[in-house]
């Protein structure tokens, strides 16, 4: 009887532990929210040139397995919600080009 309870207890702990979401959101470990002041100057300048008068809602820094970084901007411009992903040089990231 004690062995059955122990097995059930361990199984329950594993089930509950496996359901937890680390960090409370759906971002991968290589993605983090940053402030505009943390965006490299070249990337900031490129964004501001491409999207003058935009209001930035949030910026997400993505670090890829090869060490490269991308910066995903969510912003409002001309009354519309928009997104763009720039690489660390300020160019539009390849996967963001349509």
C-alpha atoms as a PDB file:
ATOM      1  CA  UNK A   1       0.000   0.000   0.000  1.00  0.00           C
ATOM      2  CA  UNK A   2       2.779   2.451   0.909  1.00  0.00           C
ATOM      3  CA  UNK A   3       4.576   1.663  -2.345  1.00  0.00           C
ATOM      4  CA  UNK A   4       1.413   2.407  -4.369  1.00  0.00           C
ATOM      5  CA  UNK A   5       0.958   5.749  -2.622  1.00  0.00           C
ATOM      6  CA  UNK A   6       4.594   6.640  -3.194  1.00  0.00           C
ATOM      7  CA  UNK A   7       4.321   5.820  -6.904  1.00  0.00           C
ATOM      8  CA  UNK A   8       1.106   7.862  -7.199  1.00  0.00           C
ATOM      9  CA  UNK A   9       2.689  10.778  -5.330  1.00  0.00           C
ATOM     10  CA  UNK A  10       5.779  10.824  -7.559  1.00  0.00           C
ATOM     11  CA  UNK A  11       3.641  10.522 -10.706  1.00  0.00           C
ATOM     12  CA  UNK A  12       1.497  13.430  -9.517  1.00  0.00           C
ATOM     13  CA  UNK A  13       4.518  15.627  -8.865  1.00  0.00           C
ATOM     14  CA  UNK A  14       5.933  14.831 -12.291  1.00  0.00           C
ATOM     15  CA  UNK A  15       2.608  15.629 -13.956  1.00  0.00           C
ATOM     16  CA  UNK A  16       2.277  18.984 -12.175  1.00  0.00           C
ATOM     17  CA  UNK A  17       5.926  19.901 -12.753  1.00  0.00           C
ATOM     18  CA  UNK A  18       5.683  19.095 -16.452  1.00  0.00           C
ATOM     19  CA  UNK A  19       2.713  21.438 -16.877  1.00  0.00           C
ATOM     20  CA  UNK A  20       4.489  24.526 -15.592  1.00  0.00           C
ATOM     21  CA  UNK A  21       5.422  27.203 -18.101  1.00  0.00           C
ATOM     22  CA  UNK A  22       8.807  28.709 -17.314  1.00  0.00           C
ATOM     23  CA  UNK A  23       8.756  32.487 -17.391  1.00  0.00           C
ATOM     24  CA  UNK A  24       4.983  32.805 -17.706  1.00  0.00           C
ATOM     25  CA  UNK A  25       4.876  33.429 -21.461  1.00  0.00           C
ATOM     26  CA  UNK A  26       5.398  31.659 -24.770  1.00  0.00           C
ATOM     27  CA  UNK A  27       8.811  33.102 -25.693  1.00  0.00           C
ATOM     28  CA  UNK A  28      11.703  30.707 -26.213  1.00  0.00           C
ATOM     29  CA  UNK A  29      14.729  30.852 -23.901  1.00  0.00           C
ATOM     30  CA  UNK A  30      16.639  32.750 -26.610  1.00  0.00           C
ATOM     31  CA  UNK A  31      14.119  35.608 -26.747  1.00  0.00           C
ATOM     32  CA  UNK A  32      13.798  38.447 -24.275  1.00  0.00           C
ATOM     33  CA  UNK A  33      11.976  41.730 -24.036  1.00  0.00           C
ATOM     34  CA  UNK A  34      14.263  44.771 -23.978  1.00  0.00           C
ATOM     35  CA  UNK A  35      13.792  48.521 -23.852  1.00  0.00           C
ATOM     36  CA  UNK A  36      14.492  50.766 -26.828  1.00  0.00           C
ATOM     37  CA  UNK A  37      17.551  52.102 -24.984  1.00  0.00           C
ATOM     38  CA  UNK A  38      19.033  48.575 -25.029  1.00  0.00           C
ATOM     39  CA  UNK A  39      18.764  48.285 -28.831  1.00  0.00           C
ATOM     40  CA  UNK A  40      22.157  48.829 -30.530  1.00  0.00           C
ATOM     41  CA  UNK A  41      22.487  52.358 -32.006  1.00  0.00           C
ATOM     42  CA  UNK A  42      22.816  51.099 -35.616  1.00  0.00           C
ATOM     43  CA  UNK A  43      19.591  49.093 -35.271  1.00  0.00           C
ATOM     44  CA  UNK A  44      17.772  52.029 -33.636  1.00  0.00           C
ATOM     45  CA  UNK A  45      18.874  54.391 -36.411  1.00  0.00           C
ATOM     46  CA  UNK A  46      17.800  51.955 -39.121  1.00  0.00           C
ATOM     47  CA  UNK A  47      14.386  51.415 -37.520  1.00  0.00           C
ATOM     48  CA  UNK A  48      13.808  55.162 -37.108  1.00  0.00           C
ATOM     49  CA  UNK A  49      14.808  55.795 -40.729  1.00  0.00           C
ATOM     50  CA  UNK A  50      12.455  53.083 -42.041  1.00  0.00           C
ATOM     51  CA  UNK A  51       9.566  54.003 -39.723  1.00  0.00           C
ATOM     52  CA  UNK A  52       9.649  57.721 -38.880  1.00  0.00           C
ATOM     53  CA  UNK A  53       7.090  58.860 -36.297  1.00  0.00           C
ATOM     54  CA  UNK A  54       6.365  55.256 -35.254  1.00  0.00           C
ATOM     55  CA  UNK A  55       5.411  54.542 -31.656  1.00  0.00           C
ATOM     56  CA  UNK A  56       7.256  51.462 -30.436  1.00  0.00           C
ATOM     57  CA  UNK A  57       5.119  49.182 -28.251  1.00  0.00           C
ATOM     58  CA  UNK A  58       7.775  46.562 -27.520  1.00  0.00           C
ATOM     59  CA  UNK A  59      11.120  45.208 -28.690  1.00  0.00           C
ATOM     60  CA  UNK A  60      12.173  41.581 -28.467  1.00  0.00           C
ATOM     61  CA  UNK A  61      15.817  40.528 -28.773  1.00  0.00           C
ATOM     62  CA  UNK A  62      16.303  37.081 -30.313  1.00  0.00           C
ATOM     63  CA  UNK A  63      19.654  35.312 -30.017  1.00  0.00           C
ATOM     64  CA  UNK A  64      20.055  32.488 -32.514  1.00  0.00           C
ATOM     65  CA  UNK A  65      22.133  29.308 -32.125  1.00  0.00           C
ATOM     66  CA  UNK A  66      24.871  30.745 -34.357  1.00  0.00           C
ATOM     67  CA  UNK A  67      25.203  33.780 -32.049  1.00  0.00           C
ATOM     68  CA  UNK A  68      23.498  36.273 -34.366  1.00  0.00           C
ATOM     69  CA  UNK A  69      20.904  38.600 -32.904  1.00  0.00           C
ATOM     70  CA  UNK A  70      17.644  39.896 -34.342  1.00  0.00           C
ATOM     71  CA  UNK A  71      15.429  42.613 -32.939  1.00  0.00           C
ATOM     72  CA  UNK A  72      11.680  42.354 -33.446  1.00  0.00           C
ATOM     73  CA  UNK A  73       9.810  45.636 -33.127  1.00  0.00           C
ATOM     74  CA  UNK A  74       6.069  45.882 -32.522  1.00  0.00           C
ATOM     75  CA  UNK A  75       4.906  49.409 -33.236  1.00  0.00           C
ATOM     76  CA  UNK A  76       2.069  51.690 -34.293  1.00  0.00           C
ATOM     77  CA  UNK A  77       2.373  53.769 -37.447  1.00  0.00           C
ATOM     78  CA  UNK A  78      -0.361  55.600 -39.307  1.00  0.00           C
ATOM     79  CA  UNK A  79      -2.936  54.108 -36.941  1.00  0.00           C
ATOM     80  CA  UNK A  80      -1.930  50.530 -37.764  1.00  0.00           C
ATOM     81  CA  UNK A  81      -0.193  47.924 -35.625  1.00  0.00           C
ATOM     82  CA  UNK A  82       2.945  46.667 -37.382  1.00  0.00           C
ATOM     83  CA  UNK A  83       5.979  44.441 -36.829  1.00  0.00           C
ATOM     84  CA  UNK A  84       9.445  44.281 -38.347  1.00  0.00           C
ATOM     85  CA  UNK A  85      12.492  42.160 -37.528  1.00  0.00           C
ATOM     86  CA  UNK A  86      15.944  43.652 -38.023  1.00  0.00           C
ATOM     87  CA  UNK A  87      19.304  41.923 -37.814  1.00  0.00           C
ATOM     88  CA  UNK A  88      22.171  43.277 -35.729  1.00  0.00           C
ATOM     89  CA  UNK A  89      23.366  45.500 -38.593  1.00  0.00           C
ATOM     90  CA  UNK A  90      19.924  47.132 -38.915  1.00  0.00           C
ATOM     91  CA  UNK A  91      18.897  45.368 -42.130  1.00  0.00           C
ATOM     92  CA  UNK A  92      15.503  43.671 -42.428  1.00  0.00           C
ATOM     93  CA  UNK A  93      16.057  40.072 -41.314  1.00  0.00           C
ATOM     94  CA  UNK A  94      15.883  37.470 -44.081  1.00  0.00           C
ATOM     95  CA  UNK A  95      12.940  35.609 -42.523  1.00  0.00           C
ATOM     96  CA  UNK A  96      10.985  38.888 -42.261  1.00  0.00           C
ATOM     97  CA  UNK A  97      11.264  39.770 -45.956  1.00  0.00           C
ATOM     98  CA  UNK A  98       8.147  39.060 -48.022  1.00  0.00           C
END
